[in-house]
Protein backbone atom coordinates (compact mmCIF):
# COMPACT_ATOMS: atom_id res chain seq x y z
CA MET A 1 -26.46 -41.16 133.82
CA THR A 2 -24.12 -43.23 135.94
CA TYR A 3 -24.83 -45.36 139.04
CA SER A 4 -23.01 -42.54 141.09
CA ASP A 5 -25.01 -39.90 139.26
CA ALA A 6 -28.40 -41.63 140.27
CA ILE A 7 -27.31 -41.83 143.83
CA SER A 8 -26.63 -38.38 144.05
CA LEU A 9 -29.85 -37.57 142.60
CA MET A 10 -31.73 -39.73 144.79
CA PRO A 11 -33.25 -37.50 147.09
CA ILE A 12 -35.05 -35.90 144.04
CA ILE A 13 -36.08 -39.39 142.53
CA ILE A 14 -37.40 -40.51 146.13
CA ALA A 15 -39.31 -37.13 146.42
CA ALA A 16 -40.49 -37.40 143.20
CA CYS A 17 -41.82 -41.42 143.20
CA ALA A 18 -43.30 -40.83 146.63
CA ALA A 19 -45.47 -38.08 145.51
CA LEU A 20 -46.85 -39.96 142.75
CA LEU A 21 -47.13 -43.00 144.38
CA VAL A 22 -49.39 -41.05 147.22
CA LEU A 23 -51.45 -39.08 144.41
CA LEU A 24 -52.30 -42.63 142.64
CA ALA A 25 -52.81 -45.21 145.35
CA GLY A 26 -54.37 -42.81 147.71
CA PRO A 27 -57.76 -43.59 146.90
CA PHE A 28 -56.99 -47.17 147.59
CA LEU A 29 -55.07 -46.60 150.87
CA PRO A 30 -56.22 -44.92 154.70
CA GLY A 31 -55.56 -41.78 155.17
CA SER A 32 -53.00 -42.60 157.78
CA MET A 33 -51.13 -44.73 155.53
CA THR A 34 -50.26 -42.02 152.79
CA SER A 35 -49.24 -39.37 155.57
CA ALA A 36 -47.16 -42.08 156.50
CA ILE A 37 -45.19 -43.00 153.20
CA ALA A 38 -45.13 -39.40 152.85
CA VAL A 39 -43.40 -38.88 156.25
CA ALA A 40 -41.18 -42.03 155.47
CA ALA A 41 -40.26 -40.45 151.85
CA SER A 42 -39.43 -37.29 153.41
CA VAL A 43 -37.02 -39.03 155.89
CA THR A 44 -35.35 -41.13 153.68
CA ALA A 45 -34.59 -38.46 151.16
CA GLY A 46 -33.09 -36.04 153.71
CA ALA A 47 -30.68 -39.10 154.75
CA PHE A 48 -29.86 -39.82 151.41
CA ALA A 49 -28.41 -36.04 150.94
CA ALA A 50 -26.84 -35.95 154.29
CA CYS A 51 -24.81 -39.27 153.59
CA THR A 52 -24.06 -38.49 149.95
CA THR A 53 -20.95 -36.81 149.55
CA PRO A 54 -21.18 -33.54 147.12
CA GLU A 55 -20.04 -33.60 143.62
CA SER A 56 -19.18 -30.77 141.31
CA ALA A 57 -19.96 -32.36 138.21
CA PRO A 58 -23.39 -32.27 136.69
CA ALA A 59 -25.10 -35.28 137.36
CA LEU A 60 -27.73 -34.22 134.59
CA PRO A 61 -27.97 -31.23 132.18
CA GLY A 62 -28.97 -28.34 134.70
CA LEU A 63 -28.53 -30.44 137.74
CA ALA A 64 -25.61 -31.22 140.26
CA PHE A 65 -25.45 -32.48 143.88
CA THR A 66 -23.66 -29.33 145.05
CA PRO A 67 -22.15 -28.78 148.64
CA LEU A 68 -25.21 -26.35 149.01
CA ALA A 69 -27.63 -29.17 148.25
CA HIS A 70 -25.81 -31.45 150.59
CA TYR A 71 -26.68 -28.83 153.45
CA LEU A 72 -30.53 -27.80 152.62
CA ILE A 73 -31.96 -30.50 151.07
CA PRO A 74 -32.12 -32.16 154.61
CA VAL A 75 -33.26 -28.93 156.02
CA PHE A 76 -36.14 -29.04 153.39
CA CYS A 77 -36.97 -32.84 154.22
CA LEU A 78 -37.06 -32.34 158.19
CA SER A 79 -39.46 -29.24 157.29
CA ALA A 80 -41.57 -31.35 155.10
CA ALA A 81 -41.58 -34.61 157.50
CA LEU A 82 -42.17 -32.52 160.71
CA THR A 83 -45.00 -30.38 158.64
CA LEU A 84 -46.70 -34.12 157.76
CA MET A 85 -46.70 -35.31 161.22
CA LEU A 86 -48.06 -32.15 162.43
CA SER A 87 -50.59 -32.17 159.73
CA HIS A 88 -52.32 -35.48 160.37
CA GLY A 89 -54.34 -34.89 163.48
CA TYR A 90 -54.82 -31.19 162.58
CA ASN A 91 -56.47 -32.45 159.25
CA GLU A 92 -58.61 -35.15 160.75
CA ARG A 93 -59.89 -32.35 163.52
CA ARG A 94 -60.60 -30.18 160.76
CA ALA A 95 -62.18 -32.48 158.22
CA ILE A 96 -59.15 -31.95 155.72
CA LYS A 97 -59.37 -35.31 153.53
CA GLY A 98 -57.67 -37.02 150.73
CA GLU A 99 -54.46 -38.09 149.48
CA GLU A 100 -53.91 -34.39 147.81
CA TYR A 101 -52.26 -32.71 151.16
CA PRO A 102 -49.54 -35.19 151.66
CA ALA A 103 -49.08 -35.51 147.77
CA THR A 104 -48.48 -31.61 147.31
CA VAL A 105 -46.14 -31.15 150.30
CA LEU A 106 -44.16 -34.16 148.61
CA PHE A 107 -44.02 -32.26 145.37
CA SER A 108 -42.78 -29.06 146.82
CA LEU A 109 -40.54 -31.09 148.61
CA PHE A 110 -39.51 -32.57 145.35
CA ALA A 111 -38.93 -28.91 143.83
CA MET A 112 -37.09 -27.93 146.87
CA CYS A 113 -34.54 -30.79 146.23
CA VAL A 114 -34.26 -29.50 142.79
CA LEU A 115 -33.78 -26.21 143.66
CA PRO A 116 -30.16 -26.08 145.41
CA CYS A 117 -29.04 -28.86 142.46
CA ALA A 118 -29.79 -26.15 139.72
CA THR A 119 -26.84 -25.23 137.68
CA ASN A 120 -28.61 -22.74 135.44
CA LEU A 121 -31.21 -20.24 135.09
CA LEU A 122 -33.79 -22.09 133.84
CA THR A 123 -33.82 -24.96 135.94
CA LEU A 124 -33.65 -22.83 138.94
CA PHE A 125 -36.51 -20.56 138.26
CA LEU A 126 -39.08 -23.94 137.51
CA ALA A 127 -37.98 -25.09 140.78
CA LEU A 128 -38.59 -22.03 142.52
CA GLU A 129 -42.12 -21.41 141.18
CA SER A 130 -42.98 -25.22 141.61
CA ILE A 131 -42.50 -24.55 144.95
CA ALA A 132 -44.85 -21.33 144.97
CA PHE A 133 -47.71 -23.41 142.85
CA ALA A 134 -47.75 -26.21 145.39
CA PHE A 135 -47.99 -23.42 148.49
CA TYR A 136 -51.11 -21.74 146.27
CA ILE A 137 -52.89 -25.26 146.72
CA MET A 138 -51.90 -26.10 150.30
CA VAL A 139 -52.94 -22.50 151.68
CA SER A 140 -56.13 -23.06 150.17
CA ILE A 141 -56.64 -26.86 151.19
CA ASP A 142 -59.30 -26.07 154.15
CA LEU A 143 -62.53 -25.91 152.17
CA GLY A 144 -64.32 -25.74 155.30
CA ARG A 145 -62.90 -22.13 155.81
CA ALA A 146 -63.52 -18.98 153.68
CA GLU A 147 -60.37 -17.36 155.09
CA SER A 148 -58.37 -20.27 153.60
CA GLY A 149 -59.67 -19.74 149.88
CA GLU A 150 -59.35 -16.13 150.48
CA ALA A 151 -55.58 -16.80 151.66
CA GLY A 152 -54.97 -18.94 148.61
CA LEU A 153 -56.08 -16.32 146.13
CA LYS A 154 -54.36 -13.54 147.73
CA TYR A 155 -51.03 -15.29 147.76
CA LEU A 156 -51.69 -16.64 143.91
CA LEU A 157 -52.28 -13.09 142.53
CA MET A 158 -49.44 -11.73 144.20
CA GLY A 159 -47.51 -14.53 143.44
CA ALA A 160 -48.18 -14.44 139.96
CA VAL A 161 -46.99 -10.71 139.79
CA ALA A 162 -43.57 -11.73 141.65
CA ALA A 163 -43.22 -14.95 139.34
CA ALA A 164 -43.66 -12.49 136.20
CA LEU A 165 -40.75 -9.90 137.56
CA THR A 166 -38.32 -12.78 138.33
CA ALA A 167 -38.88 -14.21 134.99
CA PHE A 168 -38.31 -11.25 133.23
CA GLY A 169 -35.39 -10.48 135.52
CA PHE A 170 -33.89 -14.00 134.52
CA SER A 171 -34.38 -13.01 130.80
CA LEU A 172 -32.49 -9.92 131.08
CA ILE A 173 -29.76 -11.57 132.99
CA TYR A 174 -29.70 -14.39 129.85
CA ALA A 175 -29.76 -11.62 127.70
CA GLY A 176 -26.69 -9.43 129.33
CA SER A 177 -24.44 -12.53 129.85
CA GLY A 178 -25.49 -14.50 126.73
CA THR A 179 -25.66 -17.63 128.64
CA LEU A 180 -27.84 -19.73 131.33
CA ASN A 181 -25.41 -21.31 132.99
CA LEU A 182 -25.47 -19.44 136.79
CA SER A 183 -21.87 -19.05 137.24
CA ALA A 184 -21.23 -17.54 133.77
CA ALA A 185 -24.24 -15.69 133.58
CA ILE A 186 -23.40 -14.02 136.91
CA ALA A 187 -19.49 -13.16 136.21
CA ALA A 188 -20.19 -11.93 132.60
CA PRO A 189 -18.56 -8.65 132.76
CA GLY A 190 -20.45 -7.25 129.80
CA ASN A 191 -23.65 -5.60 129.20
CA ARG A 192 -23.79 -4.33 132.87
CA ALA A 193 -26.73 -1.83 132.42
CA ILE A 194 -28.91 -5.22 131.23
CA ILE A 195 -27.71 -7.20 133.88
CA SER A 196 -28.07 -4.96 136.55
CA ALA A 197 -31.99 -3.92 135.54
CA GLY A 198 -32.27 -7.90 135.54
CA TRP A 199 -30.81 -7.90 139.07
CA GLY A 200 -33.07 -5.30 140.31
CA LEU A 201 -36.26 -7.42 138.70
CA VAL A 202 -35.04 -10.48 140.62
CA VAL A 203 -34.45 -8.49 143.89
CA ILE A 204 -38.44 -7.51 143.48
CA GLY A 205 -39.45 -10.94 142.91
CA ILE A 206 -37.20 -12.46 145.83
CA ALA A 207 -38.46 -9.69 147.95
CA PHE A 208 -41.87 -11.14 147.82
CA LYS A 209 -40.98 -14.45 148.51
CA LEU A 210 -38.95 -13.43 151.35
CA SER A 211 -41.89 -11.37 152.65
CA LEU A 212 -39.45 -8.05 152.48
CA VAL A 213 -41.13 -4.46 153.17
CA PRO A 214 -42.56 -3.03 151.08
CA ALA A 215 -43.20 -6.81 149.26
CA HIS A 216 -44.79 -7.97 152.37
CA LEU A 217 -48.28 -7.28 152.33
CA TRP A 218 -49.78 -10.59 151.89
CA THR A 219 -47.78 -12.52 154.43
CA PRO A 220 -49.87 -11.91 157.34
CA ASP A 221 -53.13 -12.32 155.65
CA VAL A 222 -51.98 -15.40 154.39
CA TYR A 223 -50.41 -16.98 157.74
CA GLN A 224 -53.76 -16.08 159.46
CA GLY A 225 -55.72 -17.70 156.64
CA ALA A 226 -53.62 -21.02 155.87
CA PRO A 227 -53.78 -23.80 157.96
CA ALA A 228 -51.31 -24.02 161.10
CA PRO A 229 -49.33 -26.77 159.72
CA VAL A 230 -49.13 -25.08 156.26
CA ALA A 231 -48.13 -21.87 157.61
CA ALA A 232 -45.52 -23.61 159.59
CA TYR A 233 -44.19 -25.19 156.06
CA LEU A 234 -44.67 -21.62 154.37
CA SER A 235 -42.81 -19.70 156.78
CA THR A 236 -39.87 -22.10 156.79
CA ALA A 237 -39.11 -24.23 153.74
CA SER A 238 -40.09 -21.55 151.22
CA LYS A 239 -38.15 -18.67 152.98
CA VAL A 240 -35.14 -20.82 152.95
CA ALA A 241 -35.48 -21.73 149.22
CA ALA A 242 -36.01 -18.23 148.52
CA ALA A 243 -32.84 -17.10 150.40
CA ALA A 244 -30.94 -20.16 148.86
CA VAL A 245 -31.86 -18.88 145.31
CA LEU A 246 -29.89 -15.30 146.31
CA LEU A 247 -27.03 -17.06 147.32
CA MET A 248 -26.95 -19.29 144.51
CA LEU A 249 -27.49 -16.11 142.00
CA LEU A 250 -24.53 -14.04 143.89
CA GLY A 251 -22.34 -17.33 143.88
CA PHE A 252 -21.26 -16.38 147.40
CA ALA A 253 -19.58 -13.38 145.88
CA PRO A 254 -20.26 -9.60 147.53
CA PRO A 255 -23.61 -8.23 145.59
CA MET A 256 -22.98 -5.97 142.86
CA GLY A 257 -22.84 -2.40 143.89
CA GLU A 258 -25.68 -1.52 142.44
CA LEU A 259 -27.59 -3.55 144.61
CA HIS A 260 -26.15 -2.26 147.98
CA VAL A 261 -28.93 0.39 148.41
CA PRO A 262 -32.07 -1.74 147.43
CA LEU A 263 -30.68 -4.87 149.95
CA TYR A 264 -29.85 -1.99 152.64
CA LEU A 265 -33.56 -0.35 152.54
CA LEU A 266 -35.09 -3.87 152.44
CA SER A 267 -33.44 -4.94 155.33
CA LEU A 268 -33.95 -1.89 157.18
CA LEU A 269 -37.69 -1.39 156.50
CA SER A 270 -38.44 -5.19 157.16
CA MET A 271 -36.20 -5.13 160.69
CA VAL A 272 -38.19 -2.02 161.82
CA ILE A 273 -41.76 -2.29 160.37
CA GLY A 274 -41.80 -6.25 160.78
CA ASN A 275 -40.98 -5.88 164.34
CA LEU A 276 -43.26 -2.36 165.29
CA ALA A 277 -46.63 -4.10 163.53
CA ALA A 278 -46.11 -7.61 165.65
CA LEU A 279 -46.02 -5.22 168.56
CA LEU A 280 -49.97 -4.51 167.73
CA GLN A 281 -51.25 -7.99 167.03
CA LYS A 282 -53.56 -9.77 169.08
CA ASN A 283 -53.77 -12.41 166.36
CA ILE A 284 -51.09 -15.06 167.20
CA LYS A 285 -50.42 -16.05 163.56
CA ARG A 286 -50.39 -12.29 162.12
CA MET A 287 -48.01 -11.82 164.98
CA LEU A 288 -45.61 -14.52 163.81
CA ALA A 289 -46.18 -13.37 160.19
CA TYR A 290 -44.80 -9.94 160.95
CA SER A 291 -42.29 -11.61 163.17
CA SER A 292 -41.27 -13.57 159.90
CA ILE A 293 -40.87 -10.27 158.08
CA ALA A 294 -38.40 -8.72 160.62
CA HIS A 295 -36.35 -12.28 160.88
CA MET A 296 -36.04 -11.90 156.77
CA GLY A 297 -34.89 -8.63 157.50
CA TYR A 298 -32.19 -9.95 159.77
CA LEU A 299 -31.44 -12.47 156.83
CA THR A 300 -31.03 -9.64 154.34
CA LEU A 301 -28.37 -7.94 156.51
CA ALA A 302 -26.29 -11.05 156.56
CA ILE A 303 -26.56 -11.24 152.67
CA LEU A 304 -25.92 -7.41 152.21
CA THR A 305 -22.57 -7.66 153.76
CA GLY A 306 -21.09 -10.16 151.12
CA SER A 307 -18.70 -11.61 153.29
CA LYS A 308 -18.36 -15.17 153.83
CA GLU A 309 -19.21 -14.62 157.54
CA GLY A 310 -22.28 -13.10 156.27
CA TYR A 311 -23.20 -15.94 154.22
CA ALA A 312 -22.51 -18.41 156.69
CA ALA A 313 -24.82 -16.89 159.05
CA VAL A 314 -27.42 -16.90 156.43
CA LEU A 315 -27.17 -20.86 156.02
CA LEU A 316 -27.06 -21.34 159.84
CA TYR A 317 -29.96 -19.08 160.30
CA ALA A 318 -32.02 -20.97 157.85
CA ALA A 319 -31.88 -24.29 159.97
CA VAL A 320 -32.33 -22.22 163.25
CA TYR A 321 -35.59 -20.51 162.19
CA THR A 322 -36.72 -23.48 160.25
CA VAL A 323 -37.03 -25.52 163.81
CA MET A 324 -38.10 -22.19 165.63
CA ASN A 325 -41.08 -21.93 163.36
CA LEU A 326 -42.02 -25.34 162.87
CA ALA A 327 -42.09 -25.55 166.93
CA ALA A 328 -44.34 -22.48 167.23
CA PHE A 329 -46.61 -23.18 164.47
CA GLY A 330 -46.64 -27.06 165.33
CA ALA A 331 -47.54 -26.16 169.04
CA ILE A 332 -50.65 -23.92 167.43
CA ALA A 333 -51.60 -26.59 165.20
CA SER A 334 -51.50 -29.24 167.89
CA LEU A 335 -53.47 -26.92 170.57
CA SER A 336 -56.42 -26.40 167.83
CA THR A 337 -59.58 -28.29 168.20
CA ASP A 338 -62.31 -27.50 165.39
CA GLU A 339 -61.41 -23.81 165.42
CA GLU A 340 -57.81 -22.51 166.09
CA ARG A 341 -56.78 -20.63 169.05
CA SER A 342 -56.34 -17.24 167.32
CA GLN A 343 -56.27 -14.98 169.61
CA VAL A 344 -53.03 -14.53 172.00
CA SER A 345 -55.57 -14.57 174.86
CA ASP A 346 -56.75 -18.09 173.97
CA TYR A 347 -53.68 -19.51 175.01
CA SER A 348 -54.32 -18.00 178.64
CA GLY A 349 -53.28 -21.05 181.14
CA VAL A 350 -52.11 -23.60 178.53
CA GLY A 351 -48.74 -23.77 180.29
CA TYR A 352 -50.69 -25.79 182.92
CA SER A 353 -53.68 -27.75 180.93
CA ALA A 354 -51.36 -28.85 178.25
CA PRO A 355 -47.81 -28.88 179.84
CA PHE A 356 -45.85 -30.26 176.93
CA ARG A 357 -47.27 -28.20 174.22
CA GLY A 358 -47.27 -25.14 176.26
CA GLY A 359 -43.99 -25.58 177.08
CA VAL A 360 -42.76 -25.88 173.37
CA LEU A 361 -44.62 -22.84 172.63
CA ALA A 362 -43.17 -21.17 175.13
CA LEU A 363 -39.68 -22.21 173.99
CA SER A 364 -40.33 -21.11 170.55
CA MET A 365 -41.12 -17.77 171.65
CA LEU A 366 -38.11 -17.55 173.76
CA ALA A 367 -35.92 -18.53 170.70
CA LEU A 368 -37.70 -16.43 168.28
CA ALA A 369 -36.96 -13.71 170.98
CA GLY A 370 -33.07 -14.79 170.69
CA ILE A 371 -32.84 -15.53 174.49
CA PRO A 372 -29.97 -18.01 175.26
CA PRO A 373 -29.15 -20.70 175.21
CA THR A 374 -31.82 -21.24 172.79
CA ALA A 375 -30.80 -21.74 168.87
CA GLY A 376 -32.52 -18.26 168.16
CA PHE A 377 -29.57 -16.64 170.44
CA ILE A 378 -26.89 -18.10 168.43
CA GLY A 379 -28.57 -17.39 164.97
CA LYS A 380 -28.80 -13.75 165.69
CA PHE A 381 -25.25 -13.39 167.01
CA PHE A 382 -23.69 -14.48 163.89
CA ILE A 383 -25.93 -12.57 162.25
CA PHE A 384 -25.21 -9.07 163.62
CA TYR A 385 -21.80 -10.27 164.19
CA ALA A 386 -21.25 -10.58 160.62
CA ALA A 387 -22.72 -7.33 159.72
CA ILE A 388 -20.47 -5.58 162.23
CA ARG A 389 -17.47 -7.24 160.82
CA GLY A 390 -18.60 -6.63 157.27
CA GLY A 391 -19.09 -2.90 157.81
CA GLU A 392 -22.75 -2.68 158.41
CA LEU A 393 -22.37 -0.93 161.76
CA THR A 394 -25.51 1.48 161.44
CA LEU A 395 -27.60 -1.06 160.35
CA ALA A 396 -26.34 -3.64 162.76
CA ILE A 397 -27.32 -1.36 165.72
CA ILE A 398 -30.94 -0.87 164.13
CA GLY A 399 -31.38 -4.75 164.01
CA ILE A 400 -30.23 -5.33 167.62
CA ILE A 401 -32.42 -2.59 169.02
CA SER A 402 -35.40 -4.26 166.65
CA ALA A 403 -34.71 -7.46 167.91
CA ALA A 404 -34.52 -6.34 171.78
CA ALA A 405 -37.92 -4.64 171.30
CA SER A 406 -39.15 -7.64 169.57
CA ALA A 407 -39.04 -9.78 173.22
CA TYR A 408 -42.04 -7.83 174.21
CA PHE A 409 -44.46 -9.64 172.12
CA TYR A 410 -42.65 -13.07 172.39
CA LEU A 411 -42.99 -12.81 175.86
CA LYS A 412 -46.25 -11.38 176.24
CA VAL A 413 -47.26 -14.93 174.75
CA VAL A 414 -45.55 -16.53 177.77
CA VAL A 415 -47.00 -14.15 180.12
CA HIS A 416 -50.66 -15.71 178.87
CA LEU A 417 -49.31 -19.38 178.93
CA TYR A 418 -48.26 -19.05 182.38
CA MET A 419 -49.37 -16.00 184.44
CA ARG A 420 -53.22 -15.24 183.14
CA PRO A 421 -56.30 -17.65 183.98
CA ALA A 422 -57.63 -19.74 181.32
CA GLU A 423 -60.31 -18.05 179.28
CA VAL A 424 -61.10 -21.23 176.88
CA ASP A 425 -61.69 -24.99 177.22
CA SER A 426 -58.63 -27.09 178.06
CA PRO A 427 -57.02 -28.51 174.84
CA LYS A 428 -57.72 -31.87 173.82
CA PRO A 429 -54.64 -34.40 174.22
CA SER A 430 -51.97 -34.72 171.09
CA ASN A 431 -51.70 -37.74 169.08
CA SER A 432 -48.19 -39.57 169.18
CA ALA A 433 -47.03 -37.85 165.66
CA GLU A 434 -47.88 -34.36 166.67
CA SER A 435 -45.86 -34.75 170.08
CA PHE A 436 -42.91 -36.66 168.43
CA ALA A 437 -42.32 -33.95 165.82
CA LEU A 438 -42.77 -31.16 168.71
CA CYS A 439 -39.98 -32.68 170.60
CA CYS A 440 -38.07 -33.59 167.68
CA ALA A 441 -37.88 -29.52 167.05
CA SER A 442 -37.70 -28.48 170.82
CA VAL A 443 -34.73 -30.61 171.18
CA ALA A 444 -32.96 -28.98 168.25
CA ILE A 445 -33.55 -25.51 169.64
CA ILE A 446 -31.89 -26.38 172.69
CA ALA A 447 -29.03 -28.55 170.95
CA ILE A 448 -28.22 -25.74 168.42
CA GLY A 449 -28.02 -23.18 171.28
CA VAL A 450 -26.20 -25.26 173.58
CA PHE A 451 -23.99 -27.06 171.17
CA PRO A 452 -23.93 -25.11 167.49
CA ALA A 453 -20.22 -26.64 166.57
CA PRO A 454 -21.39 -29.53 164.16
CA LEU A 455 -23.84 -27.30 162.48
CA LEU A 456 -21.03 -24.42 161.85
CA ARG A 457 -18.71 -27.53 160.31
CA LEU A 458 -21.51 -28.38 157.88
CA VAL A 459 -22.06 -24.26 156.93
CA ASP A 460 -17.96 -23.99 156.51
CA ALA A 461 -17.97 -27.07 153.96
CA VAL A 462 -20.45 -25.16 152.04
CA LEU A 463 -18.74 -22.30 151.54
CA GLN A 464 -14.94 -23.86 151.25
C-alpha cells in the first residue's frame, strides 16, 4: 500500500484505531475523556474524507475511495459525532456507564466508512452486517430498562433473518455472474434467472434494513425501546448505509425489469401505511418510527426511477434526513431526565420552559413535514420531481398526498409545544455538548433549505 493509498483510506484507519483506543484505554480514563476522543476521531475522519480526492483505483483489494465514499463518509461521521455529543449527558442521567458505548459507536462508524469503499460483494456484505452487529449492542445497552433489552432481542432476531436472506442473495448473484467484483457481477448478462433470484433475496434483506413495509414490524418497538440518541443514530446512519448498498449494487444504472413491481409495492405500501400508522400514535418515538418507514418509501420511489435525477435525490435526501432526525431525536434525548418524555402530551408547554430545545424539536417537525424553507422541503421536492420526470406519476401523486397528510402528526407536536399547558415538570438545563449538537443540526436544516446549491454540487460530482 502506497502513501496515497493510506491517505485515501485514512477515515477507515482513524475510526478503527480510535475504537480500539477507547475500548482498551477506557477503563483507565474518565467517561468524558472517552466520549471526547470518540467525537474527535469522528470529526477528524469526516474531515479527511471531505478533503481527500476520490480515486478509481483500489487502495487495497476490495477497497477504493470512490466519489460515493467521498460524499457519504462525512455524513456518517457527522451522524456519529452528533450522536456521541447527544449521548454523553443522556447516558449520565440514565446511568449508562463504561467505554463500551463510545467504542461501539466508533466500531459502527468504521464499518460505515468501509461500506461505500467496497468494490466486491464480500466486503460489502461484511461492512453491512458489521453495522448491524454494532446496533444490536447499542439498542440494548440501557441495562436499567427492560424495554431496551427487549428491543435489542427483537432487532437481533429479525436482523439475523435479514442477514441470512441478504447473504443468500449475494451468493446467488455470485453464482450467476462468476465474480465477486461489484461492477462485473451486476453487469453480467448470462444466468439471468439465478441473478434475478439473488436480487429478490437482496431486496428483501435491504427492505428490512430500510424498514420498508412489510419488513417494518420491528421498527416501532426498537425505536421505542432504544435510548433516544441510539434511535437517532439508527434512524439515520443505518438507513443511509442500506440505501447506499442498493445504489452500489445497481451501479447507478436503472433497476432490472424484474425489480420494478417489488420496488413499486415497497414504496407504495411504506408511504401509505407509514403515514397512516403515524397518525394514530401517541408515543413520540413510535410516531417517528412510522414516519421513518414513510420517508424510506420516498427514498425507494426515487431509486425506482432509475434516473440520474432519482439517484441524485436519494443522495441529497440521505444528508437531509440525517440532520432532520438527529435534531428530532436529539431534542427528545436532551429533554429527558431519569425517564424519557415518551408521550406527545409530555411536550406540552416545553416550547416556553425550554425555548431552545423546544424550538429545535419544532424545527425538526416542520422539516420532516416538508414545510419551506427547511431542508425537508428541498429533499421531498427533488424526490417527487425525479419521480415525475422518471415516469412514476401515479406513485408520485400518492406520495405527495401522503406527505401532505403527514403534516397533521408533525404539527401536532408543535401544537403541544406552544399551544398546550405544561403537564409535567420543566426539563433540566442541557449541557454544552447537547446544545452544540442541536445547534449544528438546526443550522444544517436551515442552511440546506435556504441554500442547497453546495450540497447539490457534491451530489452531481458523485454521479459524474
